[in-house]
C-alpha cells in the first residue's frame, strides 16, 4: 500500500445503498469518524429530509443545459454509459 494513503480513512456510499439501508450506512459512517453511535443519534440523522431524493427523474426537467451536456457526451464513445444515465427517466 502506498505510504501516503496508509492512514487515509474513506468510505464509498452510493445513493442506492443509503436508500436501502439508511441505519446501517449511518452507523458505518459514524464508526469511520470515530463517533460512538446509538439508536437516538442514528434515528435523528436518518429522519433528516436531506436523505430524500429531491430531483425529478427526468434530467431534462432539471438541467438548464441538458442539450449541451447531451451533445458533449454524444461526441465521445467512451461516454456511452454516462449518456445512457443522462437519458434515463427512472
PDB file of N, CA and C in Angstrom:
ATOM      1  N   UNK A   1       0.838  -1.180   0.000  1.00  0.00           N
ATOM      2  CA  UNK A   1       0.000   0.000   0.000  1.00  0.00           C
ATOM      3  C   UNK A   1       0.880   1.239   0.000  1.00  0.00           C
ATOM      4  N   UNK A   2       0.449   2.233  -0.729  1.00  0.00           N
ATOM      5  CA  UNK A   2       1.160   3.499  -0.777  1.00  0.00           C
ATOM      6  C   UNK A   2       1.226   4.102   0.625  1.00  0.00           C
ATOM      7  N   UNK A   3       2.402   4.462   1.085  1.00  0.00           N
ATOM      8  CA  UNK A   3       2.589   5.005   2.435  1.00  0.00           C
ATOM      9  C   UNK A   3       1.784   6.286   2.654  1.00  0.00           C
ATOM     10  N   UNK A   4       1.587   7.058   1.608  1.00  0.00           N
ATOM     11  CA  UNK A   4       0.821   8.298   1.731  1.00  0.00           C
ATOM     12  C   UNK A   4      -0.658   8.040   2.011  1.00  0.00           C
ATOM     13  N   UNK A   5      -1.131   6.864   1.655  1.00  0.00           N
ATOM     14  CA  UNK A   5      -2.546   6.539   1.823  1.00  0.00           C
ATOM     15  C   UNK A   5      -2.815   5.642   3.021  1.00  0.00           C
ATOM     16  N   UNK A   6      -1.775   5.231   3.705  1.00  0.00           N
ATOM     17  CA  UNK A   6      -1.902   4.247   4.779  1.00  0.00           C
ATOM     18  C   UNK A   6      -2.901   4.670   5.856  1.00  0.00           C
ATOM     19  N   UNK A   7      -2.885   5.927   6.246  1.00  0.00           N
ATOM     20  CA  UNK A   7      -3.745   6.390   7.325  1.00  0.00           C
ATOM     21  C   UNK A   7      -5.028   7.056   6.827  1.00  0.00           C
ATOM     22  N   UNK A   8      -5.243   7.016   5.531  1.00  0.00           N
ATOM     23  CA  UNK A   8      -6.428   7.639   4.957  1.00  0.00           C
ATOM     24  C   UNK A   8      -7.645   6.762   5.220  1.00  0.00           C
ATOM     25  N   UNK A   9      -8.645   7.350   5.841  1.00  0.00           N
ATOM     26  CA  UNK A   9      -9.891   6.622   6.082  1.00  0.00           C
ATOM     27  C   UNK A   9     -10.934   7.136   5.109  1.00  0.00           C
ATOM     28  N   UNK A  10     -11.564   6.223   4.388  1.00  0.00           N
ATOM     29  CA  UNK A  10     -12.627   6.648   3.490  1.00  0.00           C
ATOM     30  C   UNK A  10     -13.651   5.541   3.345  1.00  0.00           C
ATOM     31  N   UNK A  11     -14.824   5.952   2.945  1.00  0.00           N
ATOM     32  CA  UNK A  11     -15.948   5.031   2.802  1.00  0.00           C
ATOM     33  C   UNK A  11     -16.713   5.432   1.560  1.00  0.00           C
ATOM     34  N   UNK A  12     -16.948   4.492   0.675  1.00  0.00           N
ATOM     35  CA  UNK A  12     -17.765   4.747  -0.508  1.00  0.00           C
ATOM     36  C   UNK A  12     -19.219   4.480  -0.139  1.00  0.00           C
ATOM     37  N   UNK A  13     -20.084   5.450  -0.399  1.00  0.00           N
ATOM     38  CA  UNK A  13     -21.512   5.293  -0.125  1.00  0.00           C
ATOM     39  C   UNK A  13     -22.275   5.687  -1.378  1.00  0.00           C
ATOM     40  N   UNK A  14     -23.068   4.781  -1.874  1.00  0.00           N
ATOM     41  CA  UNK A  14     -23.887   5.112  -3.045  1.00  0.00           C
ATOM     42  C   UNK A  14     -25.274   5.564  -2.581  1.00  0.00           C
ATOM     43  N   UNK A  15     -25.929   6.302  -3.432  1.00  0.00           N
ATOM     44  CA  UNK A  15     -27.290   6.754  -3.155  1.00  0.00           C
ATOM     45  C   UNK A  15     -28.192   5.548  -2.895  1.00  0.00           C
ATOM     46  N   UNK A  16     -28.046   4.529  -3.742  1.00  0.00           N
ATOM     47  CA  UNK A  16     -28.885   3.344  -3.610  1.00  0.00           C
ATOM     48  C   UNK A  16     -28.648   2.629  -2.281  1.00  0.00           C
ATOM     49  N   UNK A  17     -27.386   2.521  -1.890  1.00  0.00           N
ATOM     50  CA  UNK A  17     -27.046   1.873  -0.614  1.00  0.00           C
ATOM     51  C   UNK A  17     -27.674   2.634   0.547  1.00  0.00           C
ATOM     52  N   UNK A  18     -27.588   3.937   0.494  1.00  0.00           N
ATOM     53  CA  UNK A  18     -28.144   4.767   1.558  1.00  0.00           C
ATOM     54  C   UNK A  18     -29.659   4.584   1.638  1.00  0.00           C
ATOM     55  N   UNK A  19     -30.313   4.504   0.502  1.00  0.00           N
ATOM     56  CA  UNK A  19     -31.764   4.330   0.491  1.00  0.00           C
ATOM     57  C   UNK A  19     -32.187   2.942   0.973  1.00  0.00           C
ATOM     58  N   UNK A  20     -31.399   1.929   0.642  1.00  0.00           N
ATOM     59  CA  UNK A  20     -31.747   0.560   1.026  1.00  0.00           C
ATOM     60  C   UNK A  20     -31.546   0.294   2.510  1.00  0.00           C
ATOM     61  N   UNK A  21     -30.502   0.881   3.095  1.00  0.00           N
ATOM     62  CA  UNK A  21     -30.214   0.599   4.494  1.00  0.00           C
ATOM     63  C   UNK A  21     -29.616   1.834   5.166  1.00  0.00           C
ATOM     64  N   UNK A  22     -30.457   2.816   5.408  1.00  0.00           N
ATOM     65  CA  UNK A  22     -30.018   4.089   5.979  1.00  0.00           C
ATOM     66  C   UNK A  22     -29.348   3.871   7.330  1.00  0.00           C
ATOM     67  N   UNK A  23     -29.969   3.096   8.196  1.00  0.00           N
ATOM     68  CA  UNK A  23     -29.454   2.892   9.550  1.00  0.00           C
ATOM     69  C   UNK A  23     -28.062   2.303   9.544  1.00  0.00           C
ATOM     70  N   UNK A  24     -27.853   1.265   8.766  1.00  0.00           N
ATOM     71  CA  UNK A  24     -26.545   0.605   8.699  1.00  0.00           C
ATOM     72  C   UNK A  24     -25.490   1.535   8.101  1.00  0.00           C
ATOM     73  N   UNK A  25     -25.853   2.246   7.059  1.00  0.00           N
ATOM     74  CA  UNK A  25     -24.911   3.155   6.407  1.00  0.00           C
ATOM     75  C   UNK A  25     -24.484   4.271   7.359  1.00  0.00           C
ATOM     76  N   UNK A  26     -25.436   4.859   8.059  1.00  0.00           N
ATOM     77  CA  UNK A  26     -25.111   5.919   9.019  1.00  0.00           C
ATOM     78  C   UNK A  26     -24.223   5.378  10.127  1.00  0.00           C
ATOM     79  N   UNK A  27     -24.548   4.208  10.609  1.00  0.00           N
ATOM     80  CA  UNK A  27     -23.745   3.589  11.670  1.00  0.00           C
ATOM     81  C   UNK A  27     -22.302   3.372  11.216  1.00  0.00           C
ATOM     82  N   UNK A  28     -22.115   2.888   9.991  1.00  0.00           N
ATOM     83  CA  UNK A  28     -20.772   2.673   9.448  1.00  0.00           C
ATOM     84  C   UNK A  28     -20.009   3.989   9.308  1.00  0.00           C
ATOM     85  N   UNK A  29     -20.684   5.038   8.874  1.00  0.00           N
ATOM     86  CA  UNK A  29     -20.028   6.344   8.725  1.00  0.00           C
ATOM     87  C   UNK A  29     -19.626   6.924  10.085  1.00  0.00           C
ATOM     88  N   UNK A  30     -20.508   6.808  11.055  1.00  0.00           N
ATOM     89  CA  UNK A  30     -20.175   7.294  12.388  1.00  0.00           C
ATOM     90  C   UNK A  30     -18.965   6.554  12.944  1.00  0.00           C
ATOM     91  N   UNK A  31     -18.932   5.243  12.743  1.00  0.00           N
ATOM     92  CA  UNK A  31     -17.791   4.440  13.193  1.00  0.00           C
ATOM     93  C   UNK A  31     -16.510   4.896  12.494  1.00  0.00           C
ATOM     94  N   UNK A  32     -16.590   5.164  11.206  1.00  0.00           N
ATOM     95  CA  UNK A  32     -15.439   5.636  10.440  1.00  0.00           C
ATOM     96  C   UNK A  32     -14.892   6.935  11.015  1.00  0.00           C
ATOM     97  N   UNK A  33     -15.796   7.813  11.455  1.00  0.00           N
ATOM     98  CA  UNK A  33     -15.395   9.101  12.014  1.00  0.00           C
ATOM     99  C   UNK A  33     -15.034   9.022  13.488  1.00  0.00           C
ATOM    100  N   UNK A  34     -15.131   7.809  14.052  1.00  0.00           N
ATOM    101  CA  UNK A  34     -14.767   7.633  15.457  1.00  0.00           C
ATOM    102  C   UNK A  34     -15.824   8.117  16.422  1.00  0.00           C
ATOM    103  N   UNK A  35     -17.063   8.176  15.959  1.00  0.00           N
ATOM    104  CA  UNK A  35     -18.163   8.634  16.796  1.00  0.00           C
ATOM    105  C   UNK A  35     -18.946   7.424  17.290  1.00  0.00           C
ATOM    106  N   UNK A  36     -19.090   7.323  18.587  1.00  0.00           N
ATOM    107  CA  UNK A  36     -19.876   6.231  19.159  1.00  0.00           C
ATOM    108  C   UNK A  36     -21.343   6.503  18.861  1.00  0.00           C
ATOM    109  N   UNK A  37     -21.979   5.567  18.192  1.00  0.00           N
ATOM    110  CA  UNK A  37     -23.366   5.782  17.797  1.00  0.00           C
ATOM    111  C   UNK A  37     -24.313   5.033  18.720  1.00  0.00           C
ATOM    112  N   UNK A  38     -25.526   5.528  18.748  1.00  0.00           N
ATOM    113  CA  UNK A  38     -26.603   4.833  19.441  1.00  0.00           C
ATOM    114  C   UNK A  38     -27.877   5.060  18.639  1.00  0.00           C
ATOM    115  N   UNK A  39     -28.939   4.397  19.033  1.00  0.00           N
ATOM    116  CA  UNK A  39     -30.186   4.483  18.260  1.00  0.00           C
ATOM    117  C   UNK A  39     -30.726   5.900  18.173  1.00  0.00           C
ATOM    118  N   UNK A  40     -30.531   6.698  19.234  1.00  0.00           N
ATOM    119  CA  UNK A  40     -31.032   8.074  19.239  1.00  0.00           C
ATOM    120  C   UNK A  40     -30.329   8.912  18.167  1.00  0.00           C
ATOM    121  N   UNK A  41     -29.009   8.785  18.086  1.00  0.00           N
ATOM    122  CA  UNK A  41     -28.238   9.535  17.082  1.00  0.00           C
ATOM    123  C   UNK A  41     -28.607   9.083  15.677  1.00  0.00           C
ATOM    124  N   UNK A  42     -28.641   7.780  15.466  1.00  0.00           N
ATOM    125  CA  UNK A  42     -28.949   7.237  14.141  1.00  0.00           C
ATOM    126  C   UNK A  42     -30.362   7.634  13.719  1.00  0.00           C
ATOM    127  N   UNK A  43     -31.301   7.586  14.631  1.00  0.00           N
ATOM    128  CA  UNK A  43     -32.676   7.971  14.332  1.00  0.00           C
ATOM    129  C   UNK A  43     -32.763   9.449  13.962  1.00  0.00           C
ATOM    130  N   UNK A  44     -32.036  10.281  14.695  1.00  0.00           N
ATOM    131  CA  UNK A  44     -32.030  11.721  14.408  1.00  0.00           C
ATOM    132  C   UNK A  44     -31.485  11.996  13.007  1.00  0.00           C
ATOM    133  N   UNK A  45     -30.373  11.368  12.670  1.00  0.00           N
ATOM    134  CA  UNK A  45     -29.755  11.588  11.365  1.00  0.00           C
ATOM    135  C   UNK A  45     -30.628  11.025  10.244  1.00  0.00           C
ATOM    136  N   UNK A  46     -31.153   9.832  10.427  1.00  0.00           N
ATOM    137  CA  UNK A  46     -31.914   9.183   9.358  1.00  0.00           C
ATOM    138  C   UNK A  46     -33.274   9.830   9.127  1.00  0.00           C
ATOM    139  N   UNK A  47     -33.779  10.605  10.098  1.00  0.00           N
ATOM    140  CA  UNK A  47     -35.072  11.259   9.909  1.00  0.00           C
ATOM    141  C   UNK A  47     -34.932  12.582   9.156  1.00  0.00           C
ATOM    142  N   UNK A  48     -33.703  13.009   8.904  1.00  0.00           N
ATOM    143  CA  UNK A  48     -33.451  14.268   8.196  1.00  0.00           C
ATOM    144  C   UNK A  48     -33.945  14.149   6.761  1.00  0.00           C
ATOM    145  N   UNK A  49     -34.653  15.151   6.296  1.00  0.00           N
ATOM    146  CA  UNK A  49     -35.220  15.112   4.949  1.00  0.00           C
ATOM    147  C   UNK A  49     -34.173  15.171   3.847  1.00  0.00           C
ATOM    148  N   UNK A  50     -32.913  15.435   4.201  1.00  0.00           N
ATOM    149  CA  UNK A  50     -31.883  15.500   3.169  1.00  0.00           C
ATOM    150  C   UNK A  50     -31.612  14.128   2.553  1.00  0.00           C
ATOM    151  N   UNK A  51     -32.126  13.079   3.160  1.00  0.00           N
ATOM    152  CA  UNK A  51     -31.931  11.741   2.614  1.00  0.00           C
ATOM    153  C   UNK A  51     -32.973  11.402   1.550  1.00  0.00           C
ATOM    154  N   UNK A  52     -33.866  12.327   1.292  1.00  0.00           N
ATOM    155  CA  UNK A  52     -34.909  12.111   0.302  1.00  0.00           C
ATOM    156  C   UNK A  52     -34.462  12.712  -1.026  1.00  0.00           C
ATOM    157  N   UNK A  53     -34.600  11.947  -2.078  1.00  0.00           N
ATOM    158  CA  UNK A  53     -34.230  12.451  -3.396  1.00  0.00           C
ATOM    159  C   UNK A  53     -35.139  13.609  -3.768  1.00  0.00           C
ATOM    160  N   UNK A  54     -34.524  14.704  -4.196  1.00  0.00           N
ATOM    161  CA  UNK A  54     -35.295  15.910  -4.459  1.00  0.00           C
ATOM    162  C   UNK A  54     -35.382  16.273  -5.934  1.00  0.00           C
ATOM    163  N   UNK A  55     -34.738  15.529  -6.777  1.00  0.00           N
ATOM    164  CA  UNK A  55     -34.751  15.895  -8.191  1.00  0.00           C
ATOM    165  C   UNK A  55     -35.732  15.036  -8.972  1.00  0.00           C
ATOM    166  N   UNK A  56     -36.173  15.584 -10.064  1.00  0.00           N
ATOM    167  CA  UNK A  56     -37.045  14.886 -10.984  1.00  0.00           C
ATOM    168  C   UNK A  56     -36.263  13.753 -11.636  1.00  0.00           C
ATOM    169  N   UNK A  57     -36.914  12.644 -11.925  1.00  0.00           N
ATOM    170  CA  UNK A  57     -36.247  11.522 -12.583  1.00  0.00           C
ATOM    171  C   UNK A  57     -35.768  11.875 -13.992  1.00  0.00           C
ATOM    172  N   UNK A  58     -36.456  12.777 -14.642  1.00  0.00           N
ATOM    173  CA  UNK A  58     -36.098  13.185 -15.991  1.00  0.00           C
ATOM    174  C   UNK A  58     -35.201  14.428 -15.900  1.00  0.00           C
ATOM    175  N   UNK A  59     -33.928  14.259 -16.194  1.00  0.00           N
ATOM    176  CA  UNK A  59     -32.982  15.362 -16.057  1.00  0.00           C
ATOM    177  C   UNK A  59     -33.243  16.499 -17.039  1.00  0.00           C
ATOM    178  N   UNK A  60     -34.023  16.244 -18.068  1.00  0.00           N
ATOM    179  CA  UNK A  60     -34.409  17.333 -18.981  1.00  0.00           C
ATOM    180  C   UNK A  60     -35.168  18.423 -18.219  1.00  0.00           C
ATOM    181  N   UNK A  61     -35.858  18.013 -17.149  1.00  0.00           N
ATOM    182  CA  UNK A  61     -36.643  18.948 -16.356  1.00  0.00           C
ATOM    183  C   UNK A  61     -35.815  19.627 -15.264  1.00  0.00           C
ATOM    184  N   UNK A  62     -34.551  19.243 -15.132  1.00  0.00           N
ATOM    185  CA  UNK A  62     -33.723  19.744 -14.044  1.00  0.00           C
ATOM    186  C   UNK A  62     -32.533  20.555 -14.542  1.00  0.00           C
ATOM    187  N   UNK A  63     -31.876  20.076 -15.580  1.00  0.00           N
ATOM    188  CA  UNK A  63     -30.658  20.714 -16.081  1.00  0.00           C
ATOM    189  C   UNK A  63     -30.979  21.733 -17.163  1.00  0.00           C
ATOM    190  N   UNK A  64     -30.604  22.963 -16.906  1.00  0.00           N
ATOM    191  CA  UNK A  64     -30.849  24.016 -17.893  1.00  0.00           C
ATOM    192  C   UNK A  64     -30.048  23.799 -19.166  1.00  0.00           C
ATOM    193  N   UNK A  65     -28.880  23.179 -19.034  1.00  0.00           N
ATOM    194  CA  UNK A  65     -28.017  22.942 -20.195  1.00  0.00           C
ATOM    195  C   UNK A  65     -28.013  21.466 -20.602  1.00  0.00           C
ATOM    196  N   UNK A  66     -29.155  20.812 -20.442  1.00  0.00           N
ATOM    197  CA  UNK A  66     -29.274  19.390 -20.780  1.00  0.00           C
ATOM    198  C   UNK A  66     -28.801  19.109 -22.210  1.00  0.00           C
ATOM    199  N   UNK A  67     -29.244  19.898 -23.154  1.00  0.00           N
ATOM    200  CA  UNK A  67     -28.888  19.670 -24.562  1.00  0.00           C
ATOM    201  C   UNK A  67     -27.381  19.797 -24.786  1.00  0.00           C
ATOM    202  N   UNK A  68     -26.750  20.755 -24.127  1.00  0.00           N
ATOM    203  CA  UNK A  68     -25.297  20.928 -24.248  1.00  0.00           C
ATOM    204  C   UNK A  68     -24.553  19.715 -23.690  1.00  0.00           C
ATOM    205  N   UNK A  69     -25.002  19.236 -22.542  1.00  0.00           N
ATOM    206  CA  UNK A  69     -24.367  18.061 -21.927  1.00  0.00           C
ATOM    207  C   UNK A  69     -24.561  16.845 -22.825  1.00  0.00           C
ATOM    208  N   UNK A  70     -25.776  16.669 -23.330  1.00  0.00           N
ATOM    209  CA  UNK A  70     -26.077  15.540 -24.218  1.00  0.00           C
ATOM    210  C   UNK A  70     -25.185  15.573 -25.457  1.00  0.00           C
ATOM    211  N   UNK A  71     -25.047  16.738 -26.052  1.00  0.00           N
ATOM    212  CA  UNK A  71     -24.207  16.893 -27.243  1.00  0.00           C
ATOM    213  C   UNK A  71     -22.753  16.570 -26.940  1.00  0.00           C
ATOM    214  N   UNK A  72     -22.259  17.076 -25.826  1.00  0.00           N
ATOM    215  CA  UNK A  72     -20.858  16.831 -25.446  1.00  0.00           C
ATOM    216  C   UNK A  72     -20.602  15.351 -25.209  1.00  0.00           C
ATOM    217  N   UNK A  73     -21.494  14.675 -24.513  1.00  0.00           N
ATOM    218  CA  UNK A  73     -21.319  13.243 -24.239  1.00  0.00           C
ATOM    219  C   UNK A  73     -21.455  12.411 -25.512  1.00  0.00           C
ATOM    220  N   UNK A  74     -22.307  12.848 -26.425  1.00  0.00           N
ATOM    221  CA  UNK A  74     -22.539  12.111 -27.670  1.00  0.00           C
ATOM    222  C   UNK A  74     -21.303  12.071 -28.563  1.00  0.00           C
ATOM    223  N   UNK A  75     -20.402  13.016 -28.389  1.00  0.00           N
ATOM    224  CA  UNK A  75     -19.205  13.105 -29.230  1.00  0.00           C
ATOM    225  C   UNK A  75     -18.114  12.112 -28.834  1.00  0.00           C
ATOM    226  N   UNK A  76     -18.281  11.442 -27.702  1.00  0.00           N
ATOM    227  CA  UNK A  76     -17.229  10.553 -27.198  1.00  0.00           C
ATOM    228  C   UNK A  76     -17.803   9.167 -26.930  1.00  0.00           C
ATOM    229  N   UNK A  77     -17.306   8.178 -27.657  1.00  0.00           N
ATOM    230  CA  UNK A  77     -17.845   6.830 -27.498  1.00  0.00           C
ATOM    231  C   UNK A  77     -17.603   6.269 -26.097  1.00  0.00           C
ATOM    232  N   UNK A  78     -16.555   6.752 -25.396  1.00  0.00           N
ATOM    233  CA  UNK A  78     -16.297   6.265 -24.048  1.00  0.00           C
ATOM    234  C   UNK A  78     -17.305   6.812 -23.029  1.00  0.00           C
ATOM    235  N   UNK A  79     -18.166   7.707 -23.460  1.00  0.00           N
ATOM    236  CA  UNK A  79     -19.177   8.291 -22.568  1.00  0.00           C
ATOM    237  C   UNK A  79     -20.554   7.656 -22.753  1.00  0.00           C
ATOM    238  N   UNK A  80     -20.613   6.525 -23.424  1.00  0.00           N
ATOM    239  CA  UNK A  80     -21.879   5.868 -23.718  1.00  0.00           C
ATOM    240  C   UNK A  80     -22.696   5.597 -22.456  1.00  0.00           C
ATOM    241  N   UNK A  81     -22.012   5.106 -21.399  1.00  0.00           N
ATOM    242  CA  UNK A  81     -22.747   4.786 -20.169  1.00  0.00           C
ATOM    243  C   UNK A  81     -23.268   6.057 -19.503  1.00  0.00           C
ATOM    244  N   UNK A  82     -22.496   7.136 -19.579  1.00  0.00           N
ATOM    245  CA  UNK A  82     -22.953   8.398 -19.000  1.00  0.00           C
ATOM    246  C   UNK A  82     -24.138   8.959 -19.777  1.00  0.00           C
ATOM    247  N   UNK A  83     -24.084   8.808 -21.070  1.00  0.00           N
ATOM    248  CA  UNK A  83     -25.182   9.267 -21.913  1.00  0.00           C
ATOM    249  C   UNK A  83     -26.469   8.484 -21.597  1.00  0.00           C
ATOM    250  N   UNK A  84     -26.313   7.192 -21.385  1.00  0.00           N
ATOM    251  CA  UNK A  84     -27.468   6.360 -21.021  1.00  0.00           C
ATOM    252  C   UNK A  84     -28.057   6.805 -19.681  1.00  0.00           C
ATOM    253  N   UNK A  85     -27.198   7.148 -18.727  1.00  0.00           N
ATOM    254  CA  UNK A  85     -27.682   7.629 -17.431  1.00  0.00           C
ATOM    255  C   UNK A  85     -28.373   8.986 -17.584  1.00  0.00           C
ATOM    256  N   UNK A  86     -27.804   9.853 -18.393  1.00  0.00           N
ATOM    257  CA  UNK A  86     -28.403  11.164 -18.625  1.00  0.00           C
ATOM    258  C   UNK A  86     -29.790  11.016 -19.238  1.00  0.00           C
ATOM    259  N   UNK A  87     -29.951  10.066 -20.155  1.00  0.00           N
ATOM    260  CA  UNK A  87     -31.220   9.868 -20.851  1.00  0.00           C
ATOM    261  C   UNK A  87     -32.238   9.097 -20.032  1.00  0.00           C
ATOM    262  N   UNK A  88     -31.805   8.407 -18.994  1.00  0.00           N
ATOM    263  CA  UNK A  88     -32.692   7.593 -18.175  1.00  0.00           C
ATOM    264  C   UNK A  88     -33.752   8.457 -17.496  1.00  0.00           C
ATOM    265  N   UNK A  89     -34.967   7.971 -17.488  1.00  0.00           N
ATOM    266  CA  UNK A  89     -36.053   8.719 -16.830  1.00  0.00           C
ATOM    267  C   UNK A  89     -36.671   7.919 -15.692  1.00  0.00           C
ATOM    268  N   UNK A  90     -35.900   7.036 -15.125  1.00  0.00           N
ATOM    269  CA  UNK A  90     -36.415   6.312 -13.966  1.00  0.00           C
ATOM    270  C   UNK A  90     -36.393   4.891 -14.136  1.00  0.00           C
TER     271      UNK A  90
END
